[in-house]
Amino acid sequence: MSPATAQPPGRILSPAQTVRFCLLFVASVAVTTAVSVRWGVAEGSLTRWTALLAGWMASLQGLEIEVNGATVYGGKIPVSIIGKCTGFYVLLTFACGVLAFPASWKQRVSALAVGLPLLYLISVVRILPLLAIEYDEYVRDALSYERKCDAVYFVAVIALWSWWVRTVLRERSRSSVASSQLPASVD
């Protein structure tokens, strides 16, 4: 470990690693968000795919569902899937955080391979209650529903991120303990 990355016991990241992580994270979120907004990545095919997946999951629960483009018809009201419903920007933020964190590429790829599909699935599951409720309930509870679902989603993202960081740090700790227990070489 170089002096710039040496860490006292109990410290997660050195000051240099913390600055690097923050700069990479903020820059990558800014650039990827600007690019995705410019080209409408969260709209179009991703909203249609989310509508199809939500409709399929709702039909598994016995609801009569029809999907037309990015609109899901079930109950008394149609539910239009918009970019926010896809969870795209939350997934993007999670990916930027994983990629900016000082970890091995193997750890980063495994976090993305598990985390992104899991978070997308949670995002789609958030839509299901809207497909089952009736119009009067929807009008009355829409704002409450949206706040609760967003809160649950962000808690899931933070929990997944925290679990991954703890896993990376635990592996790092094991490897540093194992390397410190190697016998000194004799010249």
Foldseek 3Di string as FASTA:
>chain_A
DDPQFDDDPPDLTHPVLVVQLVVQLVVQLVVVVVVCVVVVVLDFPLLQVLLVVLQVVLVVVVWDWDGDRNWIATAADIDGRGSVLQCVSVLSSLLSNLVRHPFDPVLSVVLNVPPNVVLRVLSSVLCNVVRPDHDVCCVVCVVVSVVVSVVVSVVVSVVSSVVSSVVRSVVVVVVVVVVVPDDDDDD
